[in-house]
Amino acid sequence: MSLIGDILSRCVASRGHRRDEISQGRRRRSGNGGRRHMVGPTAATASAQRRGAPLKILALTNLFPSPSRPGNGVFLKHRLQHLSRLPGVEMRLIAPVPWFPSTARIFGQYAKLAQTPRDDDTSGIPARFIRYPMLPKISMWITPLSIALSALKAIRDMKRSGFEPDVIDAYYLYPDGVAACLLGVWLRKPVMLTALGTDATQIARQPIPGALICWAARRAIAVTAVCHALIDQLIGCGIAPEKLTVVQHGVDLELFSPPHDRDALRQTFGLKRFTMISVGHLSQNKGQHLAIRALTEIPDVDLLIVGDGPERDRLRALASDLGATDRVRFIGSVDQPHLALLMGAADLLVSCSEYEGISNVLLEALACGTPVAATPVWGSPEIVADPKIGLLFKERSGGAIADGIRSVMRHSWDRSYIRHYSLRYDWAATAEQHRCVMLQGLGAAKALPDRPSAMADGSPMADDCQALVTSSAYIAGSVR
């Protein structure tokens, strides 16, 4: 482990060079005009903010990591940190957490919910973790209302301390986005929404949540998504195209970077032959079982599995049943610096997911100079758009994945080119673009008549949505 520490020290020493490299990547991204549904800085929005007071943003998301669950939504922490650091931005965060009565270890992940502190600012963003009730069978339908009601006290406390938000910025359309729009109705605040993945691809297809998402999207000043595939899905759900904008995710290009001495790093980790790495929650959706099955067709390959989750024991049993125990290493959950080292040492990152919005592990591997191979789902084809950085599997099956891995092994990869490609994905540029979309939406909203609870579009289930807004507003008024 002393070698890893030494490598980390050398990485820190070389960050000055990387900052220059990253700034070049930002200039390329800012000049990437003409892409559908994408927005960049404008003189009008920039001058508008310079003339006014600081932009006060209240972020709302259940995905934000907490001290008791530090691995939850790390990508969102990075995105919000960069947004909060922009000049003229002041941010507070509300992170809803399901209420659970006991911190006893016997309850596993549920106990971690109970261990969540009320307040935390270790991320650099003052965060309030609010509790909301989850009721069996019906919680799916009432969670937006539960979250909104629980958030009211937190917002009132923020107002007393001098923070009056200009806009509510919600990440994940349901329940967070709908809850944010309920708050927008009650408090007469504009709301911006961001779609991240399954909220658009799965939840939006369900009748009641889908109708509420459409209502929230029409209410919002702007709706962003992390890839074009999600935009297309939202248009198919009935959301107007002019309301939608792609704001891509980014990556920490200083932390995730090519290792200074890759051979020494591989020796440290004991990597002696072609080694793949799979990173993510151990679940059926992530498809680690497919990567393990592919090993039976490619004998000279090892696999590192990074992450934890409900499928861990089944995956271990599968590796044993297939006689691949000595070729599959379960690393468990690791922090970001350790993950960057593992990615830099690996020969290939494989992503076998059934669905993804945008896969940050693909971006992180590319930033380390490591080629990637992914299933052709949602945002992945938008990342793996250059054959010089990796490939897409023909389908999501063990055989297709094995064929793809063999193709990668036959190819000679230029890791410096892969790193260069990754520079277009930068959190700072993502934050700036998000702010520009927000300012444009705020400017447009000020020019419209005030319609705090209007829903006169005649869409299916509109009456039910309006009834929820009206009844919940009455409840909120009595709570306050």
Protein backbone atom coordinates (compact mmCIF):
# COMPACT_ATOMS: atom_id res chain seq x y z
CA MET A 1 0.00 0.00 0.00
CA SER A 2 2.99 2.34 0.41
CA LEU A 3 3.42 2.25 -3.36
CA ILE A 4 -0.19 3.35 -3.83
CA GLY A 5 0.43 6.24 -1.44
CA ASP A 6 3.52 7.20 -3.40
CA ILE A 7 1.60 7.10 -6.67
CA LEU A 8 -1.16 9.26 -5.17
CA SER A 9 1.47 11.78 -4.06
CA ARG A 10 2.93 11.93 -7.55
CA CYS A 11 -0.57 12.39 -8.97
CA VAL A 12 -1.09 15.42 -6.73
CA ALA A 13 2.27 16.84 -7.81
CA SER A 14 1.32 16.61 -11.49
CA ARG A 15 -2.07 18.35 -11.22
CA GLY A 16 -0.76 21.65 -12.54
CA HIS A 17 -0.17 20.06 -15.94
CA ARG A 18 -3.61 18.47 -15.83
CA ARG A 19 -5.30 21.80 -15.13
CA ASP A 20 -3.82 23.18 -18.37
CA GLU A 21 -4.98 20.05 -20.19
CA ILE A 22 -8.48 20.35 -18.72
CA SER A 23 -8.80 24.01 -19.69
CA GLN A 24 -8.13 23.02 -23.30
CA GLY A 25 -10.91 20.43 -23.04
CA ARG A 26 -13.31 23.08 -21.73
CA ARG A 27 -12.63 25.30 -24.72
CA ARG A 28 -13.37 22.41 -27.07
CA ARG A 29 -16.64 21.64 -25.28
CA SER A 30 -17.78 25.26 -25.27
CA GLY A 31 -17.26 25.30 -29.02
CA ASN A 32 -19.29 22.14 -29.58
CA GLY A 33 -22.25 24.00 -31.06
CA GLY A 34 -25.01 22.66 -33.25
CA ARG A 35 -25.87 19.65 -31.10
CA ARG A 36 -29.59 19.19 -30.67
CA HIS A 37 -31.16 20.45 -27.43
CA MET A 38 -27.88 21.84 -26.08
CA VAL A 39 -27.42 25.33 -24.63
CA GLY A 40 -24.28 27.27 -23.84
CA PRO A 41 -23.49 30.61 -22.22
CA THR A 42 -25.01 33.73 -23.77
CA ALA A 43 -24.15 37.37 -23.29
CA ALA A 44 -27.72 38.08 -22.20
CA THR A 45 -27.77 35.55 -19.37
CA ALA A 46 -24.26 36.42 -18.22
CA SER A 47 -24.95 40.16 -18.09
CA ALA A 48 -28.29 39.57 -16.37
CA GLN A 49 -26.57 37.84 -13.47
CA ARG A 50 -23.80 40.41 -13.27
CA ARG A 51 -26.43 43.11 -12.79
CA GLY A 52 -28.33 41.28 -10.05
CA ALA A 53 -27.83 39.76 -6.63
CA PRO A 54 -26.30 36.29 -6.14
CA LEU A 55 -28.35 33.47 -7.62
CA LYS A 56 -29.71 31.52 -4.65
CA ILE A 57 -30.34 27.89 -5.58
CA LEU A 58 -32.15 25.37 -3.39
CA ALA A 59 -31.16 21.89 -4.64
CA LEU A 60 -33.49 18.99 -3.89
CA THR A 61 -32.51 15.35 -4.40
CA ASN A 62 -32.75 12.06 -2.53
CA LEU A 63 -29.56 10.85 -4.24
CA PHE A 64 -27.09 13.07 -2.40
CA PRO A 65 -24.52 11.14 -0.28
CA SER A 66 -24.54 11.44 3.50
CA PRO A 67 -21.94 10.54 6.15
CA SER A 68 -23.82 7.27 6.76
CA ARG A 69 -24.13 6.52 3.01
CA PRO A 70 -21.05 8.13 1.42
CA GLY A 71 -21.31 6.08 -1.78
CA ASN A 72 -24.82 7.26 -2.63
CA GLY A 73 -24.91 9.52 -5.71
CA VAL A 74 -21.26 10.59 -5.69
CA PHE A 75 -21.68 11.88 -9.25
CA LEU A 76 -24.41 14.25 -8.07
CA LYS A 77 -22.23 15.54 -5.25
CA HIS A 78 -19.55 16.48 -7.79
CA ARG A 79 -22.09 18.14 -10.07
CA LEU A 80 -23.62 20.24 -7.31
CA GLN A 81 -20.25 21.14 -5.81
CA HIS A 82 -19.12 22.63 -9.11
CA LEU A 83 -22.42 24.47 -9.54
CA SER A 84 -22.18 25.91 -6.02
CA ARG A 85 -18.63 27.15 -6.68
CA LEU A 86 -19.58 29.26 -9.69
CA PRO A 87 -19.23 33.02 -9.10
CA GLY A 88 -22.49 34.59 -8.02
CA VAL A 89 -24.09 31.32 -6.88
CA GLU A 90 -25.23 30.56 -3.34
CA MET A 91 -26.62 27.07 -2.71
CA ARG A 92 -28.44 25.11 -0.03
CA LEU A 93 -29.47 21.48 -0.30
CA ILE A 94 -32.43 19.44 0.90
CA ALA A 95 -31.89 15.67 0.73
CA PRO A 96 -34.97 13.55 1.55
CA VAL A 97 -34.30 10.32 3.46
CA PRO A 98 -36.94 7.66 4.23
CA TRP A 99 -37.73 7.54 7.94
CA PHE A 100 -36.64 4.40 9.77
CA PRO A 101 -36.91 3.89 13.55
CA SER A 102 -33.75 1.93 14.41
CA THR A 103 -30.00 2.24 13.92
CA ALA A 104 -29.37 -1.40 14.92
CA ARG A 105 -26.97 -3.13 12.53
CA ILE A 106 -29.33 -6.05 12.11
CA PHE A 107 -31.42 -3.84 9.82
CA GLY A 108 -28.54 -3.34 7.38
CA GLN A 109 -29.08 -0.57 4.82
CA TYR A 110 -32.25 0.58 6.59
CA ALA A 111 -30.22 1.27 9.73
CA LYS A 112 -27.97 3.59 7.69
CA LEU A 113 -31.04 5.66 6.86
CA ALA A 114 -31.68 6.14 10.58
CA GLN A 115 -28.01 7.05 11.13
CA THR A 116 -28.20 9.98 8.70
CA PRO A 117 -27.54 13.29 10.50
CA ARG A 118 -29.98 16.15 10.19
CA ASP A 119 -27.38 18.61 8.93
CA ASP A 120 -24.06 18.16 7.16
CA ASP A 121 -21.76 20.51 5.25
CA THR A 122 -18.71 18.30 4.68
CA SER A 123 -19.37 18.48 0.91
CA GLY A 124 -19.04 22.26 1.03
CA ILE A 125 -22.80 22.64 0.50
CA PRO A 126 -24.97 23.21 3.60
CA ALA A 127 -27.27 20.18 3.47
CA ARG A 128 -30.42 19.38 5.44
CA PHE A 129 -31.42 15.70 5.44
CA ILE A 130 -35.16 15.60 5.97
CA ARG A 131 -37.17 12.52 6.95
CA TYR A 132 -40.33 11.49 5.18
CA PRO A 133 -42.61 8.49 5.81
CA MET A 134 -42.67 5.51 3.48
CA LEU A 135 -45.82 3.42 3.67
CA PRO A 136 -46.00 -0.13 2.21
CA LYS A 137 -48.05 -0.55 -0.98
CA ILE A 138 -48.99 3.13 -1.38
CA SER A 139 -45.72 4.99 -0.78
CA MET A 140 -44.96 5.18 -4.51
CA TRP A 141 -47.97 7.39 -5.09
CA ILE A 142 -47.72 9.69 -2.06
CA THR A 143 -43.94 10.07 -1.75
CA PRO A 144 -43.82 13.40 -3.66
CA LEU A 145 -46.37 14.86 -1.25
CA SER A 146 -44.56 13.37 1.78
CA ILE A 147 -41.25 14.86 0.66
CA ALA A 148 -42.76 18.27 -0.08
CA LEU A 149 -44.49 18.48 3.28
CA SER A 150 -41.31 17.41 5.09
CA ALA A 151 -39.29 20.00 3.17
CA LEU A 152 -41.45 22.93 4.23
CA LYS A 153 -39.97 23.19 7.73
CA ALA A 154 -36.43 23.02 6.35
CA ILE A 155 -37.20 25.82 3.90
CA ARG A 156 -38.75 27.89 6.67
CA ASP A 157 -35.58 27.43 8.77
CA MET A 158 -33.45 28.51 5.80
CA LYS A 159 -35.56 31.65 5.38
CA ARG A 160 -35.08 32.51 9.06
CA SER A 161 -31.32 32.21 8.59
CA GLY A 162 -31.44 34.60 5.64
CA PHE A 163 -31.56 32.22 2.68
CA GLU A 164 -34.51 32.94 0.39
CA PRO A 165 -34.14 30.73 -2.71
CA ASP A 166 -34.56 32.18 -6.19
CA VAL A 167 -35.16 28.76 -7.71
CA ILE A 168 -35.68 25.14 -6.65
CA ASP A 169 -33.34 22.84 -8.56
CA ALA A 170 -34.53 19.19 -8.43
CA TYR A 171 -32.62 16.13 -9.59
CA TYR A 172 -34.58 12.98 -10.54
CA LEU A 173 -38.05 13.60 -11.89
CA TYR A 174 -39.97 11.37 -9.50
CA PRO A 175 -40.47 11.73 -6.64
CA ASP A 176 -38.04 14.65 -6.28
CA GLY A 177 -39.12 16.66 -9.32
CA VAL A 178 -42.82 16.39 -8.56
CA ALA A 179 -42.16 17.27 -4.90
CA ALA A 180 -40.17 20.32 -6.00
CA CYS A 181 -43.03 21.51 -8.20
CA LEU A 182 -45.49 21.11 -5.34
CA LEU A 183 -43.19 23.32 -3.29
CA GLY A 184 -43.03 25.73 -6.21
CA VAL A 185 -46.83 25.98 -6.20
CA TRP A 186 -47.07 26.53 -2.44
CA LEU A 187 -44.13 28.94 -2.17
CA ARG A 188 -44.54 30.60 -5.58
CA LYS A 189 -40.99 29.69 -6.60
CA PRO A 190 -39.72 28.70 -10.06
CA VAL A 191 -38.49 25.13 -10.41
CA MET A 192 -35.90 23.47 -12.67
CA LEU A 193 -35.83 19.70 -13.18
CA THR A 194 -33.11 17.26 -14.23
CA ALA A 195 -33.76 13.73 -15.53
CA LEU A 196 -31.02 11.23 -14.71
CA GLY A 197 -32.12 7.83 -16.03
CA THR A 198 -34.81 5.46 -14.81
CA ASP A 199 -36.99 8.41 -13.85
CA ALA A 200 -37.42 9.04 -17.59
CA THR A 201 -37.07 5.51 -18.96
CA GLN A 202 -39.24 3.60 -16.49
CA ILE A 203 -41.11 5.71 -13.92
CA ALA A 204 -42.40 8.15 -16.54
CA ARG A 205 -44.12 5.24 -18.30
CA GLN A 206 -46.28 4.41 -15.29
CA PRO A 207 -49.76 6.00 -15.44
CA ILE A 208 -49.92 8.04 -12.22
CA PRO A 209 -46.21 8.93 -11.81
CA GLY A 210 -46.03 9.59 -15.55
CA ALA A 211 -48.94 12.03 -15.42
CA LEU A 212 -47.40 13.81 -12.42
CA ILE A 213 -44.02 14.03 -14.18
CA CYS A 214 -45.70 15.62 -17.21
CA TRP A 215 -47.47 18.10 -14.94
CA ALA A 216 -44.18 18.93 -13.21
CA ALA A 217 -42.36 19.35 -16.52
CA ARG A 218 -44.98 21.78 -17.78
CA ARG A 219 -44.76 23.70 -14.53
CA ALA A 220 -40.93 23.87 -14.56
CA ILE A 221 -38.99 26.74 -16.11
CA ALA A 222 -36.67 24.17 -17.74
CA VAL A 223 -36.07 20.44 -17.84
CA THR A 224 -32.61 19.05 -18.49
CA ALA A 225 -31.49 15.48 -19.11
CA VAL A 226 -28.04 13.94 -19.07
CA CYS A 227 -28.24 12.50 -22.61
CA HIS A 228 -30.20 12.84 -25.85
CA ALA A 229 -31.77 9.39 -25.43
CA LEU A 230 -33.57 10.60 -22.31
CA ILE A 231 -34.73 13.72 -24.15
CA ASP A 232 -36.30 11.51 -26.82
CA GLN A 233 -37.98 9.42 -24.12
CA LEU A 234 -39.43 12.50 -22.42
CA ILE A 235 -40.75 13.84 -25.71
CA GLY A 236 -42.44 10.47 -26.20
CA CYS A 237 -44.07 10.93 -22.78
CA GLY A 238 -45.67 14.16 -23.95
CA ILE A 239 -43.21 16.81 -22.75
CA ALA A 240 -42.71 19.68 -25.18
CA PRO A 241 -39.30 19.56 -26.94
CA GLU A 242 -38.71 23.30 -26.45
CA LYS A 243 -38.75 22.76 -22.68
CA LEU A 244 -35.91 20.17 -22.85
CA THR A 245 -32.13 20.60 -22.88
CA VAL A 246 -29.23 18.18 -22.67
CA VAL A 247 -26.69 18.99 -19.97
CA GLN A 248 -24.14 16.21 -19.96
CA HIS A 249 -22.50 14.81 -16.87
CA GLY A 250 -18.81 15.40 -16.29
CA VAL A 251 -15.90 13.75 -14.56
CA ASP A 252 -13.21 14.87 -12.11
CA LEU A 253 -10.39 15.11 -14.65
CA GLU A 254 -7.77 15.74 -12.00
CA LEU A 255 -8.60 12.73 -9.85
CA PHE A 256 -9.35 10.38 -12.75
CA SER A 257 -6.25 10.55 -14.90
CA PRO A 258 -3.68 8.15 -16.41
CA PRO A 259 -1.35 6.66 -13.76
CA HIS A 260 2.20 7.99 -13.57
CA ASP A 261 3.68 4.46 -13.62
CA ARG A 262 1.08 1.99 -14.88
CA ASP A 263 3.37 -1.04 -14.82
CA ALA A 264 4.22 -0.46 -11.17
CA LEU A 265 0.54 0.06 -10.38
CA ARG A 266 -0.42 -3.22 -12.07
CA GLN A 267 2.27 -4.99 -10.08
CA THR A 268 0.91 -3.50 -6.88
CA PHE A 269 -2.57 -4.86 -7.63
CA GLY A 270 -1.21 -8.21 -8.81
CA LEU A 271 -2.49 -7.86 -12.39
CA LYS A 272 -0.50 -10.30 -14.53
CA ARG A 273 -2.66 -10.65 -17.64
CA PHE A 274 -5.47 -8.90 -19.48
CA THR A 275 -7.77 -7.55 -16.76
CA MET A 276 -11.26 -6.11 -17.05
CA ILE A 277 -12.94 -4.00 -14.43
CA SER A 278 -16.68 -3.70 -13.74
CA VAL A 279 -17.83 -0.91 -11.42
CA GLY A 280 -21.27 -0.39 -9.93
CA HIS A 281 -24.02 -1.53 -7.61
CA LEU A 282 -24.15 -5.33 -7.59
CA SER A 283 -27.62 -5.80 -9.05
CA GLN A 284 -29.31 -7.60 -11.93
CA ASN A 285 -29.53 -4.36 -13.90
CA LYS A 286 -25.77 -3.75 -13.82
CA GLY A 287 -25.13 -7.15 -15.42
CA GLN A 288 -22.01 -8.30 -13.58
CA HIS A 289 -23.31 -11.85 -14.06
CA LEU A 290 -22.95 -11.44 -17.83
CA ALA A 291 -19.32 -10.37 -17.48
CA ILE A 292 -18.63 -13.43 -15.31
CA ARG A 293 -20.33 -15.75 -17.82
CA ALA A 294 -18.25 -14.24 -20.63
CA LEU A 295 -15.10 -15.50 -18.88
CA THR A 296 -16.00 -19.08 -19.83
CA GLU A 297 -15.39 -18.17 -23.48
CA ILE A 298 -12.19 -16.15 -22.97
CA PRO A 299 -9.82 -18.15 -20.75
CA ASP A 300 -6.90 -15.69 -20.50
CA VAL A 301 -8.80 -12.82 -18.91
CA ASP A 302 -9.38 -11.76 -15.30
CA LEU A 303 -12.19 -9.62 -13.89
CA LEU A 304 -12.24 -7.08 -11.06
CA ILE A 305 -15.71 -6.35 -9.67
CA VAL A 306 -15.90 -3.10 -7.71
CA GLY A 307 -18.99 -2.32 -5.67
CA ASP A 308 -21.46 -3.93 -3.32
CA GLY A 309 -25.13 -4.81 -3.40
CA PRO A 310 -27.81 -7.49 -3.10
CA GLU A 311 -26.36 -9.73 -5.83
CA ARG A 312 -22.94 -10.15 -4.22
CA ASP A 313 -23.48 -13.69 -2.87
CA ARG A 314 -25.16 -14.86 -6.09
CA LEU A 315 -22.29 -13.50 -8.16
CA ARG A 316 -19.75 -15.27 -5.97
CA ALA A 317 -21.71 -18.50 -6.32
CA LEU A 318 -21.89 -18.05 -10.10
CA ALA A 319 -18.12 -17.56 -10.35
CA SER A 320 -17.65 -20.73 -8.29
CA ASP A 321 -20.12 -22.76 -10.37
CA LEU A 322 -18.35 -21.71 -13.58
CA GLY A 323 -14.92 -22.55 -12.19
CA ALA A 324 -13.82 -18.92 -12.39
CA THR A 325 -13.25 -18.20 -8.70
CA ASP A 326 -9.53 -17.58 -9.23
CA ARG A 327 -10.24 -15.19 -12.12
CA VAL A 328 -12.88 -12.99 -10.48
CA ARG A 329 -11.86 -10.66 -7.66
CA PHE A 330 -14.56 -8.95 -5.61
CA ILE A 331 -13.02 -5.67 -4.47
CA GLY A 332 -16.08 -4.27 -2.66
CA SER A 333 -16.80 -0.57 -2.34
CA VAL A 334 -13.81 1.77 -2.60
CA ASP A 335 -13.32 5.53 -2.40
CA GLN A 336 -12.78 7.62 -5.50
CA PRO A 337 -8.95 7.86 -5.33
CA HIS A 338 -8.69 4.06 -5.03
CA LEU A 339 -11.17 3.61 -7.88
CA ALA A 340 -9.10 5.90 -10.11
CA LEU A 341 -6.03 3.73 -9.49
CA LEU A 342 -7.92 0.52 -10.28
CA MET A 343 -9.30 2.00 -13.49
CA GLY A 344 -5.87 3.21 -14.56
CA ALA A 345 -4.39 -0.25 -13.97
CA ALA A 346 -7.11 -2.17 -15.82
CA ASP A 347 -7.00 -2.99 -19.53
CA LEU A 348 -10.72 -2.53 -20.14
CA LEU A 349 -13.82 -1.27 -18.35
CA VAL A 350 -16.94 -3.30 -19.13
CA SER A 351 -20.46 -1.98 -18.58
CA CYS A 352 -23.18 -4.60 -19.04
CA SER A 353 -26.10 -2.52 -17.76
CA GLU A 354 -29.67 -3.09 -18.87
CA TYR A 355 -30.42 0.63 -18.58
CA GLU A 356 -28.36 3.73 -17.86
CA GLY A 357 -28.96 7.44 -18.17
CA ILE A 358 -25.33 8.36 -18.58
CA SER A 359 -22.73 6.04 -17.07
CA ASN A 360 -20.17 7.99 -15.07
CA VAL A 361 -17.93 4.94 -14.77
CA LEU A 362 -17.45 5.09 -18.55
CA LEU A 363 -16.37 8.73 -18.29
CA GLU A 364 -14.07 7.96 -15.36
CA ALA A 365 -12.38 5.08 -17.19
CA LEU A 366 -11.85 7.19 -20.30
CA ALA A 367 -10.30 9.93 -18.18
CA CYS A 368 -7.82 7.32 -16.92
CA GLY A 369 -6.98 6.42 -20.52
CA THR A 370 -8.69 3.02 -20.28
CA PRO A 371 -10.81 1.77 -23.21
CA VAL A 372 -14.43 0.87 -22.53
CA ALA A 373 -16.96 -1.67 -23.78
CA ALA A 374 -20.65 -1.15 -23.03
CA THR A 375 -24.11 -2.40 -23.82
CA PRO A 376 -25.85 -0.09 -26.35
CA VAL A 377 -28.39 1.35 -23.92
CA TRP A 378 -29.62 4.94 -23.50
CA GLY A 379 -26.70 7.34 -23.07
CA SER A 380 -23.85 4.85 -23.57
CA PRO A 381 -23.78 5.12 -27.40
CA GLU A 382 -23.46 8.89 -27.01
CA ILE A 383 -20.27 8.40 -24.99
CA VAL A 384 -18.77 5.53 -26.98
CA ALA A 385 -19.07 7.42 -30.26
CA ASP A 386 -15.48 6.98 -31.42
CA PRO A 387 -14.05 3.53 -32.27
CA LYS A 388 -10.68 4.67 -30.97
CA ILE A 389 -11.94 4.76 -27.35
CA GLY A 390 -13.86 1.48 -27.14
CA LEU A 391 -16.86 -0.35 -28.53
CA LEU A 392 -20.51 -1.20 -27.97
CA PHE A 393 -21.56 -4.81 -27.54
CA LYS A 394 -23.93 -6.01 -30.27
CA GLU A 395 -26.45 -7.08 -27.63
CA ARG A 396 -26.76 -7.72 -23.92
CA SER A 397 -25.79 -11.38 -23.72
CA GLY A 398 -22.84 -13.39 -22.46
CA GLY A 399 -21.85 -14.45 -25.99
CA ALA A 400 -22.00 -10.92 -27.41
CA ILE A 401 -20.02 -9.60 -24.48
CA ALA A 402 -17.36 -12.28 -24.95
CA ASP A 403 -17.13 -11.42 -28.66
CA GLY A 404 -16.71 -7.74 -27.81
CA ILE A 405 -13.98 -8.44 -25.27
CA ARG A 406 -12.08 -10.56 -27.81
CA SER A 407 -12.31 -7.67 -30.27
CA VAL A 408 -10.88 -5.29 -27.67
CA MET A 409 -8.02 -7.70 -26.97
CA ARG A 410 -7.08 -7.83 -30.67
CA HIS A 411 -6.91 -4.03 -30.89
CA SER A 412 -4.03 -1.76 -29.93
CA TRP A 413 -5.34 1.17 -27.94
CA ASP A 414 -3.79 4.63 -27.69
CA ARG A 415 -4.41 5.50 -24.05
CA SER A 416 -3.25 9.10 -24.55
CA TYR A 417 -5.88 9.55 -27.28
CA ILE A 418 -8.54 8.12 -24.97
CA ARG A 419 -7.54 10.57 -22.25
CA HIS A 420 -7.66 13.41 -24.77
CA TYR A 421 -11.19 12.36 -25.82
CA SER A 422 -12.36 12.46 -22.20
CA LEU A 423 -11.48 16.13 -21.75
CA ARG A 424 -14.84 17.16 -23.23
CA TYR A 425 -16.51 15.78 -20.08
CA ASP A 426 -15.72 18.31 -17.38
CA TRP A 427 -17.82 19.06 -14.29
CA ALA A 428 -16.98 22.77 -14.45
CA ALA A 429 -18.38 23.02 -17.97
CA THR A 430 -21.44 21.02 -16.92
CA ALA A 431 -22.08 23.43 -14.04
CA GLU A 432 -21.73 26.49 -16.26
CA GLN A 433 -24.13 25.08 -18.84
CA HIS A 434 -26.66 24.15 -16.12
CA ARG A 435 -26.54 27.70 -14.77
CA CYS A 436 -27.06 29.16 -18.24
CA VAL A 437 -30.15 27.01 -18.81
CA MET A 438 -31.43 28.06 -15.40
CA LEU A 439 -30.90 31.77 -16.05
CA GLN A 440 -32.58 31.54 -19.43
CA GLY A 441 -35.53 29.74 -17.86
CA LEU A 442 -35.80 32.32 -15.09
CA GLY A 443 -35.71 35.13 -17.63
CA ALA A 444 -38.46 33.52 -19.70
CA ALA A 445 -40.58 32.81 -16.60
CA LYS A 446 -40.54 36.48 -15.58
CA ALA A 447 -42.03 37.40 -18.94
CA LEU A 448 -45.02 35.05 -18.48
CA PRO A 449 -48.24 35.63 -16.53
CA ASP A 450 -48.13 34.24 -12.99
CA ARG A 451 -49.85 30.83 -13.02
CA PRO A 452 -48.92 29.26 -9.67
CA SER A 453 -51.16 26.23 -10.01
CA ALA A 454 -52.35 26.27 -13.61
CA MET A 455 -52.92 22.95 -15.33
CA ALA A 456 -55.32 23.59 -18.14
CA ASP A 457 -53.73 21.37 -20.76
CA GLY A 458 -56.47 18.77 -20.86
CA SER A 459 -53.96 15.91 -20.64
CA PRO A 460 -55.00 12.47 -19.35
CA MET A 461 -55.29 12.42 -15.58
CA ALA A 462 -54.96 16.22 -15.45
CA ASP A 463 -57.84 16.40 -12.98
CA ASP A 464 -56.15 13.89 -10.69
CA CYS A 465 -52.89 15.87 -10.82
CA GLN A 466 -54.71 19.13 -10.10
CA ALA A 467 -56.55 17.48 -7.22
CA LEU A 468 -53.22 16.41 -5.72
CA VAL A 469 -51.83 19.93 -6.02
CA THR A 470 -54.95 21.53 -4.56
CA SER A 471 -55.39 19.14 -1.64
CA SER A 472 -51.68 19.12 -0.81
CA ALA A 473 -51.61 22.93 -0.88
CA TYR A 474 -54.42 22.93 1.68
CA ILE A 475 -52.49 20.48 3.87
CA ALA A 476 -49.31 22.55 3.52
CA GLY A 477 -51.15 25.67 4.54
CA SER A 478 -52.43 24.01 7.69
CA VAL A 479 -48.96 22.66 8.50
CA ARG A 480 -47.39 26.11 8.21
